[in-house]
Amino acid sequence: MSKLLNEPIILSRFFNALSSKVRLDILQTVSENRRPFHIKALANHLKLDYAAVYRHVIVLRDAALVDLFEVGRSKVVVAREEDTLRKVFELAGSINSTWGT
């Protein structure tokens, strides 16, 4: 991931992807479970519409934070760079405790 952050467009996509609470929830769910998630199951888990979750997953995929695969007629999402995601969530926790939102 650190190599990717040298590219301004990738860096912009990375921070844009992290700017949504829904996308952060998706990342956290997928990374904590450490297994591929069908988008339909992810939508049910988050109590959101399938199409909305799919659109958010595309943003995460374009930011190189998740991979998206087709399994039969289903789409499956899996976290990439779990160490990077862990650091992102640690930083988010630190910011949250400092700024108290």
PDB file of N, CA and C in Angstrom:
ATOM      1  N   MET A   1       0.821  -1.193   0.000  1.00  0.00           N
ATOM      2  CA  MET A   1       0.000   0.000   0.000  1.00  0.00           C
ATOM      3  C   MET A   1       0.861   1.252   0.000  1.00  0.00           C
ATOM      4  N   SER A   2       1.996   1.270   0.694  1.00  0.00           N
ATOM      5  CA  SER A   2       2.798   2.479   0.778  1.00  0.00           C
ATOM      6  C   SER A   2       3.286   2.926  -0.597  1.00  0.00           C
ATOM      7  N   LYS A   3       3.580   1.981  -1.505  1.00  0.00           N
ATOM      8  CA  LYS A   3       3.960   2.332  -2.869  1.00  0.00           C
ATOM      9  C   LYS A   3       2.826   3.058  -3.577  1.00  0.00           C
ATOM     10  N   LEU A   4       1.612   2.600  -3.349  1.00  0.00           N
ATOM     11  CA  LEU A   4       0.455   3.207  -3.996  1.00  0.00           C
ATOM     12  C   LEU A   4       0.235   4.645  -3.535  1.00  0.00           C
ATOM     13  N   LEU A   5       0.606   4.942  -2.290  1.00  0.00           N
ATOM     14  CA  LEU A   5       0.357   6.273  -1.761  1.00  0.00           C
ATOM     15  C   LEU A   5       1.265   7.325  -2.380  1.00  0.00           C
ATOM     16  N   ASN A   6       2.256   6.932  -3.176  1.00  0.00           N
ATOM     17  CA  ASN A   6       3.105   7.887  -3.874  1.00  0.00           C
ATOM     18  C   ASN A   6       2.388   8.510  -5.062  1.00  0.00           C
ATOM     19  N   GLU A   7       1.307   7.925  -5.480  1.00  0.00           N
ATOM     20  CA  GLU A   7       0.537   8.437  -6.614  1.00  0.00           C
ATOM     21  C   GLU A   7      -0.589   9.332  -6.100  1.00  0.00           C
ATOM     22  N   PRO A   8      -0.620  10.614  -6.512  1.00  0.00           N
ATOM     23  CA  PRO A   8      -1.644  11.541  -6.004  1.00  0.00           C
ATOM     24  C   PRO A   8      -3.074  11.076  -6.245  1.00  0.00           C
ATOM     25  N   ILE A   9      -3.352  10.468  -7.407  1.00  0.00           N
ATOM     26  CA  ILE A   9      -4.719  10.024  -7.685  1.00  0.00           C
ATOM     27  C   ILE A   9      -5.114   8.893  -6.746  1.00  0.00           C
ATOM     28  N   ILE A  10      -4.215   7.957  -6.525  1.00  0.00           N
ATOM     29  CA  ILE A  10      -4.494   6.851  -5.609  1.00  0.00           C
ATOM     30  C   ILE A  10      -4.680   7.379  -4.187  1.00  0.00           C
ATOM     31  N   LEU A  11      -3.843   8.311  -3.792  1.00  0.00           N
ATOM     32  CA  LEU A  11      -3.946   8.908  -2.458  1.00  0.00           C
ATOM     33  C   LEU A  11      -5.292   9.601  -2.290  1.00  0.00           C
ATOM     34  N   SER A  12      -5.721  10.319  -3.312  1.00  0.00           N
ATOM     35  CA  SER A  12      -7.021  10.991  -3.277  1.00  0.00           C
ATOM     36  C   SER A  12      -8.157   9.978  -3.157  1.00  0.00           C
ATOM     37  N   ARG A  13      -8.086   8.895  -3.923  1.00  0.00           N
ATOM     38  CA  ARG A  13      -9.119   7.846  -3.844  1.00  0.00           C
ATOM     39  C   ARG A  13      -9.127   7.192  -2.468  1.00  0.00           C
ATOM     40  N   PHE A  14      -7.926   6.988  -1.908  1.00  0.00           N
ATOM     41  CA  PHE A  14      -7.805   6.373  -0.592  1.00  0.00           C
ATOM     42  C   PHE A  14      -8.540   7.200   0.464  1.00  0.00           C
ATOM     43  N   PHE A  15      -8.254   8.502   0.513  1.00  0.00           N
ATOM     44  CA  PHE A  15      -8.888   9.354   1.521  1.00  0.00           C
ATOM     45  C   PHE A  15     -10.363   9.573   1.237  1.00  0.00           C
ATOM     46  N   ASN A  16     -10.742   9.640  -0.030  1.00  0.00           N
ATOM     47  CA  ASN A  16     -12.152   9.740  -0.373  1.00  0.00           C
ATOM     48  C   ASN A  16     -12.903   8.499   0.121  1.00  0.00           C
ATOM     49  N   ALA A  17     -12.313   7.341  -0.070  1.00  0.00           N
ATOM     50  CA  ALA A  17     -12.957   6.092   0.363  1.00  0.00           C
ATOM     51  C   ALA A  17     -13.159   6.068   1.872  1.00  0.00           C
ATOM     52  N   LEU A  18     -12.243   6.677   2.610  1.00  0.00           N
ATOM     53  CA  LEU A  18     -12.337   6.684   4.072  1.00  0.00           C
ATOM     54  C   LEU A  18     -13.245   7.795   4.603  1.00  0.00           C
ATOM     55  N   SER A  19     -13.778   8.618   3.713  1.00  0.00           N
ATOM     56  CA  SER A  19     -14.578   9.769   4.150  1.00  0.00           C
ATOM     57  C   SER A  19     -16.035   9.431   4.449  1.00  0.00           C
ATOM     58  N   SER A  20     -16.427   8.196   4.266  1.00  0.00           N
ATOM     59  CA  SER A  20     -17.818   7.784   4.468  1.00  0.00           C
ATOM     60  C   SER A  20     -17.923   6.805   5.636  1.00  0.00           C
ATOM     61  N   LYS A  21     -18.868   7.080   6.546  1.00  0.00           N
ATOM     62  CA  LYS A  21     -19.085   6.172   7.675  1.00  0.00           C
ATOM     63  C   LYS A  21     -19.497   4.785   7.178  1.00  0.00           C
ATOM     64  N   VAL A  22     -20.317   4.733   6.145  1.00  0.00           N
ATOM     65  CA  VAL A  22     -20.749   3.435   5.607  1.00  0.00           C
ATOM     66  C   VAL A  22     -19.546   2.654   5.097  1.00  0.00           C
ATOM     67  N   ARG A  23     -18.660   3.310   4.359  1.00  0.00           N
ATOM     68  CA  ARG A  23     -17.492   2.606   3.845  1.00  0.00           C
ATOM     69  C   ARG A  23     -16.569   2.164   4.985  1.00  0.00           C
ATOM     70  N   LEU A  24     -16.444   2.979   6.007  1.00  0.00           N
ATOM     71  CA  LEU A  24     -15.652   2.560   7.168  1.00  0.00           C
ATOM     72  C   LEU A  24     -16.292   1.354   7.843  1.00  0.00           C
ATOM     73  N   ASP A  25     -17.616   1.344   7.939  1.00  0.00           N
ATOM     74  CA  ASP A  25     -18.321   0.188   8.513  1.00  0.00           C
ATOM     75  C   ASP A  25     -18.087  -1.067   7.669  1.00  0.00           C
ATOM     76  N   ILE A  26     -18.122  -0.909   6.356  1.00  0.00           N
ATOM     77  CA  ILE A  26     -17.869  -2.045   5.466  1.00  0.00           C
ATOM     78  C   ILE A  26     -16.456  -2.564   5.679  1.00  0.00           C
ATOM     79  N   LEU A  27     -15.480  -1.665   5.671  1.00  0.00           N
ATOM     80  CA  LEU A  27     -14.089  -2.070   5.880  1.00  0.00           C
ATOM     81  C   LEU A  27     -13.898  -2.776   7.203  1.00  0.00           C
ATOM     82  N   GLN A  28     -14.488  -2.217   8.238  1.00  0.00           N
ATOM     83  CA  GLN A  28     -14.329  -2.815   9.569  1.00  0.00           C
ATOM     84  C   GLN A  28     -14.960  -4.199   9.619  1.00  0.00           C
ATOM     85  N   THR A  29     -16.138  -4.344   9.074  1.00  0.00           N
ATOM     86  CA  THR A  29     -16.825  -5.636   9.076  1.00  0.00           C
ATOM     87  C   THR A  29     -16.033  -6.683   8.307  1.00  0.00           C
ATOM     88  N   VAL A  30     -15.581  -6.329   7.116  1.00  0.00           N
ATOM     89  CA  VAL A  30     -14.855  -7.283   6.280  1.00  0.00           C
ATOM     90  C   VAL A  30     -13.503  -7.626   6.905  1.00  0.00           C
ATOM     91  N   SER A  31     -12.801  -6.639   7.434  1.00  0.00           N
ATOM     92  CA  SER A  31     -11.471  -6.913   7.987  1.00  0.00           C
ATOM     93  C   SER A  31     -11.539  -7.658   9.315  1.00  0.00           C
ATOM     94  N   GLU A  32     -12.548  -7.377  10.140  1.00  0.00           N
ATOM     95  CA  GLU A  32     -12.669  -8.078  11.428  1.00  0.00           C
ATOM     96  C   GLU A  32     -13.015  -9.540  11.241  1.00  0.00           C
ATOM     97  N   ASN A  33     -13.811  -9.844  10.231  1.00  0.00           N
ATOM     98  CA  ASN A  33     -14.240 -11.227  10.014  1.00  0.00           C
ATOM     99  C   ASN A  33     -13.195 -12.049   9.284  1.00  0.00           C
ATOM    100  N   ARG A  34     -12.250 -11.389   8.641  1.00  0.00           N
ATOM    101  CA  ARG A  34     -11.140 -12.052   7.954  1.00  0.00           C
ATOM    102  C   ARG A  34     -11.584 -13.162   7.009  1.00  0.00           C
ATOM    103  N   ARG A  35     -12.699 -12.938   6.382  1.00  0.00           N
ATOM    104  CA  ARG A  35     -13.187 -13.890   5.391  1.00  0.00           C
ATOM    105  C   ARG A  35     -13.948 -13.120   4.331  1.00  0.00           C
ATOM    106  N   PRO A  36     -14.061 -13.683   3.151  1.00  0.00           N
ATOM    107  CA  PRO A  36     -14.840 -13.008   2.100  1.00  0.00           C
ATOM    108  C   PRO A  36     -16.301 -12.858   2.529  1.00  0.00           C
ATOM    109  N   PHE A  37     -16.903 -11.779   2.124  1.00  0.00           N
ATOM    110  CA  PHE A  37     -18.300 -11.490   2.444  1.00  0.00           C
ATOM    111  C   PHE A  37     -19.078 -11.331   1.150  1.00  0.00           C
ATOM    112  N   HIS A  38     -20.188 -12.035   1.025  1.00  0.00           N
ATOM    113  CA  HIS A  38     -21.101 -11.767  -0.078  1.00  0.00           C
ATOM    114  C   HIS A  38     -21.694 -10.391   0.172  1.00  0.00           C
ATOM    115  N   ILE A  39     -21.822  -9.604  -0.874  1.00  0.00           N
ATOM    116  CA  ILE A  39     -22.349  -8.250  -0.697  1.00  0.00           C
ATOM    117  C   ILE A  39     -23.756  -8.290  -0.114  1.00  0.00           C
ATOM    118  N   LYS A  40     -24.549  -9.277  -0.503  1.00  0.00           N
ATOM    119  CA  LYS A  40     -25.906  -9.387   0.049  1.00  0.00           C
ATOM    120  C   LYS A  40     -25.857  -9.615   1.563  1.00  0.00           C
ATOM    121  N   ALA A  41     -24.959 -10.478   2.016  1.00  0.00           N
ATOM    122  CA  ALA A  41     -24.824 -10.726   3.460  1.00  0.00           C
ATOM    123  C   ALA A  41     -24.317  -9.476   4.172  1.00  0.00           C
ATOM    124  N   LEU A  42     -23.403  -8.762   3.527  1.00  0.00           N
ATOM    125  CA  LEU A  42     -22.877  -7.528   4.087  1.00  0.00           C
ATOM    126  C   LEU A  42     -23.983  -6.478   4.198  1.00  0.00           C
ATOM    127  N   ALA A  43     -24.806  -6.366   3.164  1.00  0.00           N
ATOM    128  CA  ALA A  43     -25.933  -5.429   3.187  1.00  0.00           C
ATOM    129  C   ALA A  43     -26.905  -5.785   4.312  1.00  0.00           C
ATOM    130  N   ASN A  44     -27.198  -7.065   4.467  1.00  0.00           N
ATOM    131  CA  ASN A  44     -28.085  -7.493   5.558  1.00  0.00           C
ATOM    132  C   ASN A  44     -27.474  -7.185   6.914  1.00  0.00           C
ATOM    133  N   HIS A  45     -26.192  -7.464   7.061  1.00  0.00           N
ATOM    134  CA  HIS A  45     -25.493  -7.219   8.323  1.00  0.00           C
ATOM    135  C   HIS A  45     -25.518  -5.736   8.697  1.00  0.00           C
ATOM    136  N   LEU A  46     -25.337  -4.878   7.704  1.00  0.00           N
ATOM    137  CA  LEU A  46     -25.305  -3.430   7.947  1.00  0.00           C
ATOM    138  C   LEU A  46     -26.689  -2.785   7.881  1.00  0.00           C
ATOM    139  N   LYS A  47     -27.701  -3.608   7.540  1.00  0.00           N
ATOM    140  CA  LYS A  47     -29.082  -3.133   7.394  1.00  0.00           C
ATOM    141  C   LYS A  47     -29.181  -2.013   6.355  1.00  0.00           C
ATOM    142  N   LEU A  48     -28.556  -2.273   5.219  1.00  0.00           N
ATOM    143  CA  LEU A  48     -28.549  -1.328   4.113  1.00  0.00           C
ATOM    144  C   LEU A  48     -28.989  -2.020   2.828  1.00  0.00           C
ATOM    145  N   ASP A  49     -29.354  -1.242   1.852  1.00  0.00           N
ATOM    146  CA  ASP A  49     -29.762  -1.724   0.548  1.00  0.00           C
ATOM    147  C   ASP A  49     -28.565  -2.316  -0.208  1.00  0.00           C
ATOM    148  N   TYR A  50     -28.777  -3.421  -0.910  1.00  0.00           N
ATOM    149  CA  TYR A  50     -27.713  -4.079  -1.668  1.00  0.00           C
ATOM    150  C   TYR A  50     -27.031  -3.108  -2.629  1.00  0.00           C
ATOM    151  N   ALA A  51     -27.815  -2.357  -3.386  1.00  0.00           N
ATOM    152  CA  ALA A  51     -27.247  -1.454  -4.396  1.00  0.00           C
ATOM    153  C   ALA A  51     -26.356  -0.393  -3.750  1.00  0.00           C
ATOM    154  N   ALA A  52     -26.766   0.121  -2.605  1.00  0.00           N
ATOM    155  CA  ALA A  52     -25.963   1.132  -1.913  1.00  0.00           C
ATOM    156  C   ALA A  52     -24.640   0.526  -1.445  1.00  0.00           C
ATOM    157  N   VAL A  53     -24.699  -0.659  -0.872  1.00  0.00           N
ATOM    158  CA  VAL A  53     -23.479  -1.321  -0.404  1.00  0.00           C
ATOM    159  C   VAL A  53     -22.567  -1.616  -1.597  1.00  0.00           C
ATOM    160  N   TYR A  54     -23.133  -2.066  -2.696  1.00  0.00           N
ATOM    161  CA  TYR A  54     -22.336  -2.354  -3.888  1.00  0.00           C
ATOM    162  C   TYR A  54     -21.611  -1.100  -4.374  1.00  0.00           C
ATOM    163  N   ARG A  55     -22.314   0.035  -4.416  1.00  0.00           N
ATOM    164  CA  ARG A  55     -21.672   1.288  -4.846  1.00  0.00           C
ATOM    165  C   ARG A  55     -20.523   1.676  -3.918  1.00  0.00           C
ATOM    166  N   HIS A  56     -20.712   1.492  -2.618  1.00  0.00           N
ATOM    167  CA  HIS A  56     -19.650   1.798  -1.655  1.00  0.00           C
ATOM    168  C   HIS A  56     -18.467   0.845  -1.838  1.00  0.00           C
ATOM    169  N   VAL A  57     -18.744  -0.409  -2.100  1.00  0.00           N
ATOM    170  CA  VAL A  57     -17.671  -1.388  -2.317  1.00  0.00           C
ATOM    171  C   VAL A  57     -16.853  -1.028  -3.556  1.00  0.00           C
ATOM    172  N   ILE A  58     -17.499  -0.517  -4.586  1.00  0.00           N
ATOM    173  CA  ILE A  58     -16.772  -0.098  -5.793  1.00  0.00           C
ATOM    174  C   ILE A  58     -15.795   1.029  -5.460  1.00  0.00           C
ATOM    175  N   VAL A  59     -16.213   1.976  -4.635  1.00  0.00           N
ATOM    176  CA  VAL A  59     -15.314   3.065  -4.214  1.00  0.00           C
ATOM    177  C   VAL A  59     -14.128   2.487  -3.450  1.00  0.00           C
ATOM    178  N   LEU A  60     -14.394   1.539  -2.562  1.00  0.00           N
ATOM    179  CA  LEU A  60     -13.318   0.897  -1.786  1.00  0.00           C
ATOM    180  C   LEU A  60     -12.386   0.102  -2.693  1.00  0.00           C
ATOM    181  N   ARG A  61     -12.953  -0.566  -3.682  1.00  0.00           N
ATOM    182  CA  ARG A  61     -12.128  -1.312  -4.632  1.00  0.00           C
ATOM    183  C   ARG A  61     -11.237  -0.376  -5.448  1.00  0.00           C
ATOM    184  N   ASP A  62     -11.803   0.724  -5.896  1.00  0.00           N
ATOM    185  CA  ASP A  62     -11.030   1.687  -6.689  1.00  0.00           C
ATOM    186  C   ASP A  62      -9.915   2.333  -5.877  1.00  0.00           C
ATOM    187  N   ALA A  63     -10.059   2.333  -4.563  1.00  0.00           N
ATOM    188  CA  ALA A  63      -9.023   2.874  -3.671  1.00  0.00           C
ATOM    189  C   ALA A  63      -8.049   1.785  -3.235  1.00  0.00           C
ATOM    190  N   ALA A  64      -8.180   0.595  -3.796  1.00  0.00           N
ATOM    191  CA  ALA A  64      -7.310  -0.548  -3.498  1.00  0.00           C
ATOM    192  C   ALA A  64      -7.395  -0.994  -2.039  1.00  0.00           C
ATOM    193  N   LEU A  65      -8.569  -0.821  -1.431  1.00  0.00           N
ATOM    194  CA  LEU A  65      -8.763  -1.249  -0.046  1.00  0.00           C
ATOM    195  C   LEU A  65      -9.431  -2.613   0.055  1.00  0.00           C
ATOM    196  N   VAL A  66     -10.184  -2.991  -0.974  1.00  0.00           N
ATOM    197  CA  VAL A  66     -10.820  -4.311  -1.009  1.00  0.00           C
ATOM    198  C   VAL A  66     -10.689  -4.882  -2.413  1.00  0.00           C
ATOM    199  N   ASP A  67     -10.881  -6.181  -2.510  1.00  0.00           N
ATOM    200  CA  ASP A  67     -10.996  -6.857  -3.801  1.00  0.00           C
ATOM    201  C   ASP A  67     -12.436  -7.325  -3.947  1.00  0.00           C
ATOM    202  N   LEU A  68     -12.905  -7.366  -5.167  1.00  0.00           N
ATOM    203  CA  LEU A  68     -14.263  -7.789  -5.462  1.00  0.00           C
ATOM    204  C   LEU A  68     -14.197  -8.935  -6.461  1.00  0.00           C
ATOM    205  N   PHE A  69     -14.853 -10.043  -6.128  1.00  0.00           N
ATOM    206  CA  PHE A  69     -14.842 -11.236  -6.972  1.00  0.00           C
ATOM    207  C   PHE A  69     -16.265 -11.664  -7.282  1.00  0.00           C
ATOM    208  N   GLU A  70     -16.420 -12.328  -8.403  1.00  0.00           N
ATOM    209  CA  GLU A  70     -17.702 -12.946  -8.720  1.00  0.00           C
ATOM    210  C   GLU A  70     -17.607 -14.420  -8.379  1.00  0.00           C
ATOM    211  N   VAL A  71     -18.580 -14.887  -7.620  1.00  0.00           N
ATOM    212  CA  VAL A  71     -18.676 -16.300  -7.267  1.00  0.00           C
ATOM    213  C   VAL A  71     -20.065 -16.740  -7.726  1.00  0.00           C
ATOM    214  N   GLY A  72     -20.094 -17.409  -8.849  1.00  0.00           N
ATOM    215  CA  GLY A  72     -21.391 -17.728  -9.445  1.00  0.00           C
ATOM    216  C   GLY A  72     -22.065 -16.437  -9.857  1.00  0.00           C
ATOM    217  N   ARG A  73     -23.265 -16.224  -9.361  1.00  0.00           N
ATOM    218  CA  ARG A  73     -23.978 -14.982  -9.661  1.00  0.00           C
ATOM    219  C   ARG A  73     -23.824 -13.957  -8.547  1.00  0.00           C
ATOM    220  N   SER A  74     -23.065 -14.304  -7.522  1.00  0.00           N
ATOM    221  CA  SER A  74     -22.871 -13.410  -6.372  1.00  0.00           C
ATOM    222  C   SER A  74     -21.574 -12.631  -6.511  1.00  0.00           C
ATOM    223  N   LYS A  75     -21.531 -11.513  -5.819  1.00  0.00           N
ATOM    224  CA  LYS A  75     -20.310 -10.724  -5.730  1.00  0.00           C
ATOM    225  C   LYS A  75     -19.810 -10.822  -4.294  1.00  0.00           C
ATOM    226  N   VAL A  76     -18.498 -11.052  -4.169  1.00  0.00           N
ATOM    227  CA  VAL A  76     -17.873 -11.268  -2.865  1.00  0.00           C
ATOM    228  C   VAL A  76     -16.777 -10.229  -2.678  1.00  0.00           C
ATOM    229  N   VAL A  77     -16.722  -9.660  -1.491  1.00  0.00           N
ATOM    230  CA  VAL A  77     -15.724  -8.639  -1.178  1.00  0.00           C
ATOM    231  C   VAL A  77     -14.784  -9.173  -0.094  1.00  0.00           C
ATOM    232  N   VAL A  78     -13.504  -8.850  -0.240  1.00  0.00           N
ATOM    233  CA  VAL A  78     -12.502  -9.276   0.732  1.00  0.00           C
ATOM    234  C   VAL A  78     -11.545  -8.107   0.957  1.00  0.00           C
ATOM    235  N   ALA A  79     -11.099  -7.937   2.195  1.00  0.00           N
ATOM    236  CA  ALA A  79     -10.186  -6.851   2.531  1.00  0.00           C
ATOM    237  C   ALA A  79      -8.807  -7.097   1.936  1.00  0.00           C
ATOM    238  N   ARG A  80      -8.169  -6.029   1.517  1.00  0.00           N
ATOM    239  CA  ARG A  80      -6.770  -6.069   1.070  1.00  0.00           C
ATOM    240  C   ARG A  80      -5.936  -5.379   2.138  1.00  0.00           C
ATOM    241  N   GLU A  81      -4.669  -5.713   2.189  1.00  0.00           N
ATOM    242  CA  GLU A  81      -3.737  -4.988   3.061  1.00  0.00           C
ATOM    243  C   GLU A  81      -4.278  -4.843   4.491  1.00  0.00           C
ATOM    244  N   GLU A  82      -4.520  -5.982   5.140  1.00  0.00           N
ATOM    245  CA  GLU A  82      -5.112  -5.945   6.476  1.00  0.00           C
ATOM    246  C   GLU A  82      -4.272  -5.163   7.474  1.00  0.00           C
ATOM    247  N   ASP A  83      -2.953  -5.169   7.338  1.00  0.00           N
ATOM    248  CA  ASP A  83      -2.098  -4.383   8.230  1.00  0.00           C
ATOM    249  C   ASP A  83      -2.378  -2.893   8.058  1.00  0.00           C
ATOM    250  N   THR A  84      -2.552  -2.459   6.821  1.00  0.00           N
ATOM    251  CA  THR A  84      -2.858  -1.052   6.562  1.00  0.00           C
ATOM    252  C   THR A  84      -4.212  -0.691   7.160  1.00  0.00           C
ATOM    253  N   LEU A  85      -5.196  -1.568   6.989  1.00  0.00           N
ATOM    254  CA  LEU A  85      -6.524  -1.299   7.541  1.00  0.00           C
ATOM    255  C   LEU A  85      -6.485  -1.226   9.064  1.00  0.00           C
ATOM    256  N   ARG A  86      -5.704  -2.104   9.676  1.00  0.00           N
ATOM    257  CA  ARG A  86      -5.582  -2.072  11.136  1.00  0.00           C
ATOM    258  C   ARG A  86      -5.013  -0.725  11.581  1.00  0.00           C
ATOM    259  N   LYS A  87      -4.008  -0.229  10.868  1.00  0.00           N
ATOM    260  CA  LYS A  87      -3.401   1.067  11.193  1.00  0.00           C
ATOM    261  C   LYS A  87      -4.394   2.207  10.989  1.00  0.00           C
ATOM    262  N   VAL A  88      -5.199   2.112   9.950  1.00  0.00           N
ATOM    263  CA  VAL A  88      -6.220   3.137   9.697  1.00  0.00           C
ATOM    264  C   VAL A  88      -7.199   3.190  10.864  1.00  0.00           C
ATOM    265  N   PHE A  89      -7.646   2.024  11.334  1.00  0.00           N
ATOM    266  CA  PHE A  89      -8.605   2.008  12.431  1.00  0.00           C
ATOM    267  C   PHE A  89      -7.971   2.449  13.753  1.00  0.00           C
ATOM    268  N   GLU A  90      -6.695   2.141  13.955  1.00  0.00           N
ATOM    269  CA  GLU A  90      -5.992   2.634  15.138  1.00  0.00           C
ATOM    270  C   GLU A  90      -5.911   4.156  15.101  1.00  0.00           C
ATOM    271  N   LEU A  91      -5.573   4.708  13.945  1.00  0.00           N
ATOM    272  CA  LEU A  91      -5.500   6.154  13.786  1.00  0.00           C
ATOM    273  C   LEU A  91      -6.875   6.787  14.007  1.00  0.00           C
ATOM    274  N   ALA A  92      -7.919   6.177  13.441  1.00  0.00           N
ATOM    275  CA  ALA A  92      -9.276   6.692  13.613  1.00  0.00           C
ATOM    276  C   ALA A  92      -9.659   6.698  15.097  1.00  0.00           C
ATOM    277  N   GLY A  93      -9.302   5.645  15.816  1.00  0.00           N
ATOM    278  CA  GLY A  93      -9.597   5.603  17.256  1.00  0.00           C
ATOM    279  C   GLY A  93      -8.853   6.686  18.003  1.00  0.00           C
ATOM    280  N   SER A  94      -7.615   6.924  17.628  1.00  0.00           N
ATOM    281  CA  SER A  94      -6.814   7.961  18.255  1.00  0.00           C
ATOM    282  C   SER A  94      -7.407   9.351  17.983  1.00  0.00           C
ATOM    283  N   ILE A  95      -7.800   9.590  16.746  1.00  0.00           N
ATOM    284  CA  ILE A  95      -8.411  10.869  16.396  1.00  0.00           C
ATOM    285  C   ILE A  95      -9.721  11.051  17.143  1.00  0.00           C
ATOM    286  N   ASN A  96     -10.507   9.996  17.198  1.00  0.00           N
ATOM    287  CA  ASN A  96     -11.796  10.068  17.884  1.00  0.00           C
ATOM    288  C   ASN A  96     -11.621  10.394  19.362  1.00  0.00           C
ATOM    289  N   SER A  97     -10.644   9.769  20.015  1.00  0.00           N
ATOM    290  CA  SER A  97     -10.446  10.041  21.437  1.00  0.00           C
ATOM    291  C   SER A  97      -9.867  11.431  21.667  1.00  0.00           C
ATOM    292  N   THR A  98      -9.094  11.938  20.709  1.00  0.00           N
ATOM    293  CA  THR A  98      -8.514  13.269  20.839  1.00  0.00           C
ATOM    294  C   THR A  98      -9.549  14.360  20.580  1.00  0.00           C
ATOM    295  N   TRP A  99     -10.333  14.197  19.514  1.00  0.00           N
ATOM    296  CA  TRP A  99     -11.285  15.229  19.126  1.00  0.00           C
ATOM    297  C   TRP A  99     -12.691  14.962  19.638  1.00  0.00           C
ATOM    298  N   GLY A 100     -12.947  13.758  20.130  1.00  0.00           N
ATOM    299  CA  GLY A 100     -14.208  13.409  20.760  1.00  0.00           C
ATOM    300  C   GLY A 100     -15.456  13.668  19.956  1.00  0.00           C
ATOM    301  N   THR A 101     -15.559  13.049  18.790  1.00  0.00           N
ATOM    302  CA  THR A 101     -16.768  13.236  17.990  1.00  0.00           C
ATOM    303  C   THR A 101     -17.828  12.244  18.357  1.00  0.00           C
TER     304      THR A 101
END
